[in-house]
Structures are given as structure tokens and as C-alpha cells.
N, C-alpha and C. Protein backbone atom coordinates (compact mmCIF):
# COMPACT_ATOMS: atom_id res chain seq x y z
N MET A 1 0.28 10.46 -19.95
CA MET A 1 -0.29 9.82 -19.10
C MET A 1 1.01 9.57 -18.24
N GLN A 2 0.59 8.77 -16.70
CA GLN A 2 1.67 8.59 -16.04
C GLN A 2 1.55 7.23 -16.14
N THR A 3 2.89 6.45 -15.83
CA THR A 3 2.93 4.86 -15.80
C THR A 3 2.43 4.50 -14.71
N THR A 4 2.34 3.09 -14.98
CA THR A 4 1.69 2.56 -13.59
C THR A 4 2.57 2.57 -12.24
N LEU A 5 3.32 2.21 -12.57
CA LEU A 5 4.64 2.30 -11.64
C LEU A 5 4.43 3.68 -10.88
N GLU A 6 4.67 4.66 -11.88
CA GLU A 6 4.07 6.08 -10.80
C GLU A 6 3.22 6.43 -10.28
N VAL A 7 2.03 5.88 -10.69
CA VAL A 7 0.84 5.76 -9.96
C VAL A 7 0.46 5.54 -8.77
N VAL A 8 0.97 4.25 -8.87
CA VAL A 8 1.33 3.39 -7.64
C VAL A 8 2.15 4.14 -6.46
N GLN A 9 3.33 4.52 -7.20
CA GLN A 9 4.30 4.81 -6.16
C GLN A 9 3.82 6.58 -5.38
N ALA A 10 3.27 7.20 -6.36
CA ALA A 10 2.43 8.31 -5.70
C ALA A 10 1.62 8.20 -4.68
N ALA A 11 0.77 6.86 -4.98
CA ALA A 11 -0.42 6.61 -3.75
C ALA A 11 0.30 5.95 -2.71
N VAL A 12 1.55 5.13 -2.90
CA VAL A 12 1.93 4.64 -1.38
C VAL A 12 2.63 5.93 -0.96
N ASN A 13 3.41 6.74 -1.45
CA ASN A 13 4.05 8.07 -0.71
C ASN A 13 2.83 8.70 0.11
N ALA A 14 1.94 9.02 -0.94
CA ALA A 14 0.84 9.63 0.15
C ALA A 14 0.22 8.61 1.13
N HIS A 15 0.49 7.63 1.27
CA HIS A 15 -0.04 6.89 2.21
C HIS A 15 0.69 6.84 3.53
N GLN A 16 2.08 6.73 2.98
CA GLN A 16 3.44 7.00 4.14
C GLN A 16 3.41 8.05 4.87
N ASN A 17 3.31 9.51 3.89
CA ASN A 17 2.86 10.86 4.28
C ASN A 17 1.92 11.23 5.11
N GLY A 18 0.69 10.15 5.27
CA GLY A 18 -0.08 10.57 6.13
C GLY A 18 -1.44 11.45 4.83
N VAL A 19 -0.81 11.58 3.95
CA VAL A 19 -2.27 12.64 3.15
C VAL A 19 -3.36 11.31 2.78
N LYS A 20 -3.30 10.29 2.79
CA LYS A 20 -4.56 9.33 2.57
C LYS A 20 -4.02 8.06 2.64
N THR A 21 -5.44 7.05 3.36
CA THR A 21 -4.83 5.85 3.15
C THR A 21 -4.67 4.96 1.93
N LEU A 22 -4.14 3.99 2.05
CA LEU A 22 -4.27 2.92 1.33
C LEU A 22 -5.46 2.42 0.58
N ASP A 23 -6.48 2.18 1.80
CA ASP A 23 -7.69 2.04 1.04
C ASP A 23 -8.11 2.99 0.27
N GLN A 24 -8.31 4.19 0.88
CA GLN A 24 -8.79 5.56 -0.40
C GLN A 24 -8.47 5.38 -1.38
N ALA A 25 -6.83 5.17 -1.89
CA ALA A 25 -5.88 5.17 -3.04
C ALA A 25 -6.85 4.07 -3.65
N ILE A 26 -6.52 3.01 -3.15
CA ILE A 26 -7.48 1.80 -3.91
C ILE A 26 -8.96 2.16 -4.89
N LYS A 27 -9.91 2.82 -3.30
CA LYS A 27 -11.06 3.39 -4.08
C LYS A 27 -11.50 4.07 -5.05
N GLU A 28 -10.33 5.18 -5.13
CA GLU A 28 -10.14 5.76 -6.31
C GLU A 28 -9.45 5.37 -7.56
N ALA A 29 -8.79 4.62 -7.36
CA ALA A 29 -8.05 3.89 -8.52
C ALA A 29 -9.34 2.63 -9.09
N ILE A 30 -10.26 2.28 -8.25
CA ILE A 30 -11.36 1.41 -9.06
C ILE A 30 -12.22 2.30 -9.49
N ASN A 31 -12.67 3.48 -8.99
CA ASN A 31 -13.37 4.56 -9.62
C ASN A 31 -12.91 5.01 -10.92
N GLU A 32 -11.75 5.22 -10.80
CA GLU A 32 -10.87 5.90 -12.25
C GLU A 32 -11.07 4.64 -13.09
N ALA A 33 -10.75 3.14 -12.96
CA ALA A 33 -10.83 2.09 -13.53
C ALA A 33 -12.58 2.21 -14.29
N ARG A 34 -13.33 1.89 -13.73
CA ARG A 34 -14.63 1.64 -13.83
C ARG A 34 -14.73 3.33 -14.90
N THR A 35 -14.23 4.35 -14.92
CA THR A 35 -14.73 5.39 -16.04
C THR A 35 -13.63 5.63 -16.99
N THR A 36 -12.74 4.81 -16.81
CA THR A 36 -11.79 4.41 -17.79
C THR A 36 -12.54 3.55 -18.79
N CYS A 37 -12.90 2.43 -18.07
CA CYS A 37 -13.71 1.35 -19.00
C CYS A 37 -14.64 1.74 -19.83
N ASP A 38 -15.60 2.63 -18.71
CA ASP A 38 -16.78 3.12 -19.71
C ASP A 38 -16.63 3.88 -20.76
N ARG A 39 -15.71 4.87 -20.15
CA ARG A 39 -15.18 5.35 -21.83
C ARG A 39 -14.26 5.22 -22.90
N ASN A 40 -13.60 4.31 -22.71
CA ASN A 40 -12.76 3.78 -23.45
C ASN A 40 -13.29 2.39 -24.12
N GLY A 41 -14.15 1.55 -23.25
CA GLY A 41 -14.65 0.03 -23.56
C GLY A 41 -13.62 -0.79 -22.75
N ASP A 42 -13.99 -1.76 -22.63
CA ASP A 42 -13.45 -3.14 -21.81
C ASP A 42 -12.30 -3.58 -22.42
N ASN A 43 -12.08 -3.66 -23.56
CA ASN A 43 -10.93 -4.30 -24.13
C ASN A 43 -9.82 -3.27 -24.47
N SER A 44 -9.77 -2.05 -24.39
CA SER A 44 -8.74 -1.01 -24.58
C SER A 44 -7.84 -1.48 -23.68
N PRO A 45 -6.72 -0.84 -24.21
CA PRO A 45 -5.16 -0.50 -23.45
C PRO A 45 -5.25 -0.02 -22.03
N ASN A 46 -6.09 0.99 -21.88
CA ASN A 46 -5.86 2.14 -21.07
C ASN A 46 -6.74 1.57 -20.05
N CYS A 47 -7.99 0.71 -20.08
CA CYS A 47 -8.88 0.05 -19.16
C CYS A 47 -8.07 -1.13 -18.69
N ALA A 48 -7.29 -1.87 -19.27
CA ALA A 48 -6.19 -2.83 -18.80
C ALA A 48 -5.18 -2.26 -17.79
N VAL A 49 -4.94 -0.81 -18.24
CA VAL A 49 -3.64 -0.08 -17.34
C VAL A 49 -4.47 0.13 -16.10
N ALA A 50 -5.62 0.65 -16.09
CA ALA A 50 -6.40 1.10 -14.98
C ALA A 50 -6.45 -0.13 -13.80
N TRP A 51 -6.73 -1.21 -14.58
CA TRP A 51 -7.31 -2.18 -13.66
C TRP A 51 -6.10 -2.85 -12.78
N GLU A 52 -4.79 -2.46 -14.13
CA GLU A 52 -3.47 -3.14 -13.21
C GLU A 52 -2.93 -2.38 -12.18
N ILE A 53 -3.38 -0.79 -12.10
CA ILE A 53 -3.09 -0.06 -11.25
C ILE A 53 -3.80 -0.90 -9.78
N VAL A 54 -5.00 -0.91 -10.01
CA VAL A 54 -5.86 -1.27 -8.83
C VAL A 54 -5.13 -2.47 -8.07
N GLU A 55 -4.84 -3.12 -9.01
CA GLU A 55 -4.36 -4.73 -8.55
C GLU A 55 -2.63 -4.31 -8.12
N GLU A 56 -1.92 -3.34 -8.28
CA GLU A 56 -0.89 -3.13 -7.76
C GLU A 56 -1.05 -2.44 -5.98
N LEU A 57 -1.91 -1.87 -6.44
CA LEU A 57 -2.66 -1.11 -5.09
C LEU A 57 -2.95 -2.16 -4.19
N GLN A 58 -3.55 -3.37 -4.28
CA GLN A 58 -3.98 -4.29 -3.44
C GLN A 58 -2.66 -4.97 -3.06
N ALA A 59 -2.18 -5.22 -4.11
CA ALA A 59 -0.92 -6.07 -3.27
C ALA A 59 -0.02 -5.48 -2.86
N GLU A 60 0.43 -3.92 -3.00
CA GLU A 60 0.95 -3.10 -2.03
C GLU A 60 0.12 -3.30 -0.52
N LYS A 61 -0.94 -2.98 -0.47
CA LYS A 61 -1.45 -3.28 0.96
C LYS A 61 -1.43 -4.57 1.35
N ALA A 62 -1.20 -5.62 0.69
CA ALA A 62 -1.31 -7.26 1.21
C ALA A 62 0.08 -7.23 1.85
N HIS A 63 0.76 -6.50 1.11
CA HIS A 63 2.39 -6.82 1.26
C HIS A 63 2.84 -5.74 2.95
N GLN A 64 2.01 -4.67 2.95
CA GLN A 64 2.40 -4.03 3.83
C GLN A 64 1.72 -5.07 5.17
N GLN A 65 0.32 -5.43 5.06
CA GLN A 65 -0.41 -6.17 6.06
C GLN A 65 0.61 -7.41 6.35
N GLN A 66 1.47 -8.09 5.32
CA GLN A 66 2.24 -9.19 6.45
C GLN A 66 3.54 -8.77 7.14
N ALA A 67 4.30 -7.85 6.46
CA ALA A 67 5.05 -6.69 6.98
C ALA A 67 4.80 -6.73 8.55
N LYS A 68 3.68 -6.07 8.87
CA LYS A 68 3.18 -5.79 10.09
C LYS A 68 2.98 -7.20 11.20
N LYS A 69 2.54 -8.27 10.31
CA LYS A 69 2.29 -9.58 11.11
C LYS A 69 3.65 -10.49 11.58
N ARG A 70 4.82 -9.86 10.77
CA ARG A 70 6.03 -10.54 10.90
C ARG A 70 6.58 -10.75 12.38
N LYS A 71 6.35 -9.56 13.26
CA LYS A 71 6.90 -9.16 14.58
C LYS A 71 6.85 -10.99 15.27
N THR A 72 7.77 -10.52 16.15
CA THR A 72 7.54 -12.08 17.09
C THR A 72 7.35 -11.27 18.45
N ASP A 73 6.88 -12.38 19.46
CA ASP A 73 6.26 -11.80 20.70
C ASP A 73 7.16 -11.10 21.51
N LEU A 74 8.11 -11.33 21.46
CA LEU A 74 9.52 -10.34 21.98
C LEU A 74 9.42 -9.04 21.32
N GLU A 75 9.31 -9.09 20.02
CA GLU A 75 9.53 -7.51 19.21
C GLU A 75 8.01 -6.55 19.60
N SER A 76 6.91 -7.46 20.13
CA SER A 76 5.65 -6.61 20.23
C SER A 76 5.91 -6.52 21.46
N TYR A 77 5.98 -7.09 22.39
CA TYR A 77 6.57 -6.68 23.84
C TYR A 77 7.56 -5.60 23.97
N CYS A 78 8.66 -5.42 23.51
CA CYS A 78 9.70 -4.46 23.32
C CYS A 78 9.22 -2.78 23.10
N GLU A 79 8.13 -3.10 21.80
CA GLU A 79 7.37 -1.79 21.52
C GLU A 79 6.77 -1.32 22.54
N GLN A 80 5.83 -1.99 23.49
CA GLN A 80 4.96 -1.88 24.50
C GLN A 80 5.61 -1.37 25.60
N HIS A 81 6.75 -2.14 25.85
CA HIS A 81 7.83 -1.84 27.33
C HIS A 81 9.44 -1.22 26.85
N PRO A 82 9.88 -0.48 26.41
CA PRO A 82 10.98 -0.23 26.01
C PRO A 82 12.28 -0.38 26.80
N GLU A 83 11.41 0.28 27.99
CA GLU A 83 12.37 0.37 29.05
C GLU A 83 12.49 -0.91 29.59
N ALA A 84 11.82 -2.32 29.81
CA ALA A 84 11.85 -3.23 30.16
C ALA A 84 13.64 -4.13 30.02
N VAL A 85 14.20 -4.92 30.79
CA VAL A 85 15.46 -5.48 30.83
C VAL A 85 15.57 -6.42 29.46
N GLU A 86 14.72 -6.94 29.13
CA GLU A 86 14.61 -7.62 28.14
C GLU A 86 14.80 -7.02 26.55
N CYS A 87 14.75 -5.69 26.80
CA CYS A 87 14.33 -5.13 25.31
C CYS A 87 15.54 -3.97 25.03
N LEU A 88 16.62 -3.94 26.29
CA LEU A 88 17.72 -3.06 26.09
C LEU A 88 18.81 -3.88 25.12
N ILE A 89 19.21 -2.84 24.54
CA ILE A 89 20.23 -3.57 23.53
C ILE A 89 21.82 -2.56 24.38
N TYR A 90 22.74 -3.57 24.01
CA TYR A 90 23.92 -2.67 24.64
C TYR A 90 25.00 -3.11 23.32
N ASP A 91 25.86 -2.34 23.05
CA ASP A 91 26.90 -2.35 22.09
C ASP A 91 28.39 -2.69 23.00
N VAL A 92 28.39 -3.57 22.52
CA VAL A 92 29.77 -4.01 23.49
C VAL A 92 31.20 -3.68 22.38
């Protein structure tokens, strides 16, 4: 069985490579956690690990959303208008 870190990292890598979205990975992890808990019982270690994977994926999604929101107005403007004088960077 893969460790929690390996499963979460694989889902994040798949998201970054465009294979599937983080939302899809979260939905799959929720379904897997429900199946695992039904099969092994709600108090089993496998059930706890399955839900921990769901929590880690949700935390990664929240982290990525926070990272997107940290841009300043100038950064947003420069993404849309990289040729603008305000956005040019010179090495001196």
C-alpha cells in the first residue's frame, strides 16, 4: 500500500501535468475512502489513512488557491500587458 504522501504527491503531479484536475482527484479519494471504510470498518487504520488522503488533497487545493490570490494589481496587469513600460525589467 502506498503511503499518504505518495498518493497525495501523485495526485498533485497528475494535476500539474494536466492529466486530471485536483477536484477530480479529491472526488476519487472520497469515493475510495468511503469504499475502504465500508470494507474495513469506520475505526480501521485503513479508513483513517483514506480520509487523511482526502484532507491532504483538500489542503493542497486550498494552498494553490491562496497562492493564486497573492498577486498584486501590478502583477495582474503585467500578465495581461507584458509589453507595457511598467512591466519591462532591465538588468543593470
